[in-house]
Amino acid sequence: MAFWYSVLIHAGASALAVLLVLAGFHRWVLRPYLDSKVREMQNAADDIEPRVIRGVRTGMTEAMREMPETAVRDSTRQFLKFGSELFENGLSSFLGTGEEIQRRHRQNPPDSADPGHRR
């Protein structure tokens, strides 16, 4: 039995030595390297947003400078006209015009026996 005890002790000591070496490598070599890389990525990410904002502002400023003022006014008018026509046509496509509603009402008068109809 003494031989098997010595084999188990030797295997346990070897496993402990390997774990200590791996833990030391992780603690003193790998972790500092990864921490520095993460810091670099965070700094780069922090610099991205201000650069994008600065680029968008510069691009919009240049585009607005190059665009004549009449084009801006005309496009705004066209947009408003389109929106009002879309709103009006959209409602009339669902509800119909006033004449169509009256014509449907005359053709199909509501039945007073209909429980869903109220006057």
Protein backbone atom coordinates (compact mmCIF):
# COMPACT_ATOMS: atom_id res chain seq x y z
CA MET A 1 0.00 0.00 0.00
CA ALA A 2 2.85 2.41 0.56
CA PHE A 3 3.54 2.42 -3.18
CA TRP A 4 0.00 3.61 -3.99
CA TYR A 5 0.20 6.31 -1.35
CA SER A 6 3.38 7.60 -2.85
CA VAL A 7 1.80 7.59 -6.35
CA LEU A 8 -1.23 9.54 -5.08
CA ILE A 9 0.97 12.02 -3.20
CA HIS A 10 3.16 12.45 -6.30
CA ALA A 11 0.05 13.02 -8.54
CA GLY A 12 -1.42 15.49 -6.05
CA ALA A 13 1.84 17.42 -5.75
CA SER A 14 2.18 17.54 -9.56
CA ALA A 15 -1.39 18.80 -9.96
CA LEU A 16 -0.84 21.42 -7.26
CA ALA A 17 2.40 22.57 -8.93
CA VAL A 18 0.69 22.85 -12.34
CA LEU A 19 -2.22 24.81 -10.84
CA LEU A 20 0.16 27.19 -9.03
CA VAL A 21 2.14 27.81 -12.24
CA LEU A 22 -1.04 28.45 -14.27
CA ALA A 23 -2.49 30.72 -11.57
CA GLY A 24 0.77 32.68 -11.38
CA PHE A 25 0.92 33.03 -15.16
CA HIS A 26 -2.67 34.24 -15.21
CA ARG A 27 -2.18 36.65 -12.31
CA TRP A 28 1.15 38.24 -13.26
CA VAL A 29 1.31 37.89 -17.04
CA LEU A 30 -2.07 37.40 -18.69
CA ARG A 31 -4.29 39.64 -16.55
CA PRO A 32 -2.11 42.79 -16.82
CA TYR A 33 -1.84 42.30 -20.59
CA LEU A 34 -5.59 41.89 -21.00
CA ASP A 35 -6.32 44.83 -18.69
CA SER A 36 -4.11 47.11 -20.77
CA LYS A 37 -5.81 45.96 -23.99
CA VAL A 38 -9.26 46.58 -22.47
CA ARG A 39 -8.17 50.08 -21.37
CA GLU A 40 -6.93 50.82 -24.90
CA MET A 41 -10.25 49.68 -26.38
CA GLN A 42 -12.23 51.77 -23.89
CA ASN A 43 -10.16 54.86 -24.68
CA ALA A 44 -10.63 54.28 -28.40
CA ALA A 45 -14.38 53.83 -27.90
CA ASP A 46 -14.56 57.03 -25.84
CA ASP A 47 -12.87 58.93 -28.68
CA ILE A 48 -15.23 57.59 -31.36
CA GLU A 49 -18.43 59.36 -30.28
CA PRO A 50 -16.99 62.91 -30.17
CA ARG A 51 -15.34 62.33 -33.56
CA VAL A 52 -18.61 61.15 -35.09
CA ILE A 53 -20.52 64.10 -33.63
CA ARG A 54 -17.86 66.52 -34.87
CA GLY A 55 -17.97 64.92 -38.33
CA VAL A 56 -21.76 65.07 -38.54
CA ARG A 57 -21.81 68.71 -37.47
CA THR A 58 -19.13 69.60 -39.99
CA GLY A 59 -20.92 67.71 -42.75
CA MET A 60 -24.28 69.30 -41.99
CA THR A 61 -22.75 72.75 -41.79
CA GLU A 62 -21.07 72.33 -45.15
CA ALA A 63 -24.22 70.92 -46.74
CA MET A 64 -26.36 73.77 -45.42
CA ARG A 65 -23.81 76.33 -46.64
CA GLU A 66 -23.78 74.84 -50.12
CA MET A 67 -27.58 74.58 -50.34
CA PRO A 68 -29.34 77.77 -51.46
CA GLU A 69 -31.88 79.18 -49.05
CA THR A 70 -34.72 79.02 -51.58
CA ALA A 71 -34.22 75.26 -51.95
CA VAL A 72 -34.59 74.79 -48.22
CA ARG A 73 -37.79 76.87 -48.13
CA ASP A 74 -39.29 75.17 -51.20
CA SER A 75 -38.52 71.68 -49.95
CA THR A 76 -40.11 72.53 -46.60
CA ARG A 77 -43.25 73.78 -48.35
CA GLN A 78 -43.39 70.66 -50.50
CA PHE A 79 -42.98 68.46 -47.44
CA LEU A 80 -45.80 70.25 -45.60
CA LYS A 81 -48.07 70.06 -48.66
CA PHE A 82 -47.32 66.36 -49.08
CA GLY A 83 -48.06 65.72 -45.41
CA SER A 84 -51.39 67.55 -45.47
CA GLU A 85 -52.45 65.79 -48.70
CA LEU A 86 -51.45 62.45 -47.25
CA PHE A 87 -53.43 63.14 -44.10
CA GLU A 88 -56.52 64.29 -45.99
CA ASN A 89 -56.39 61.50 -48.56
CA GLY A 90 -55.66 58.95 -45.90
CA LEU A 91 -58.74 59.90 -43.88
CA SER A 92 -60.98 60.14 -46.92
CA SER A 93 -59.83 56.72 -48.10
CA PHE A 94 -61.01 55.26 -44.78
CA LEU A 95 -64.09 57.40 -44.18
CA GLY A 96 -65.00 58.42 -47.70
CA THR A 97 -66.10 61.89 -48.69
CA GLY A 98 -69.17 63.52 -47.20
CA GLU A 99 -71.23 62.81 -50.32
CA GLU A 100 -70.35 59.11 -50.26
CA ILE A 101 -71.32 58.79 -46.60
CA GLN A 102 -74.71 60.45 -47.23
CA ARG A 103 -75.33 58.29 -50.34
CA ARG A 104 -74.58 55.09 -48.36
CA HIS A 105 -76.84 56.28 -45.57
CA ARG A 106 -79.72 56.91 -48.02
CA GLN A 107 -79.25 53.55 -49.75
CA ASN A 108 -79.06 51.55 -46.52
CA PRO A 109 -81.21 53.32 -43.93
CA PRO A 110 -80.60 52.12 -40.38
CA ASP A 111 -83.21 49.70 -39.13
CA SER A 112 -84.84 50.79 -35.88
CA ALA A 113 -85.09 47.13 -34.83
CA ASP A 114 -81.31 46.88 -35.03
CA PRO A 115 -80.12 46.71 -31.39
CA GLY A 116 -76.71 48.20 -32.29
CA HIS A 117 -78.24 51.35 -33.77
CA ARG A 118 -79.00 54.29 -31.52
CA ARG A 119 -80.61 57.61 -32.36
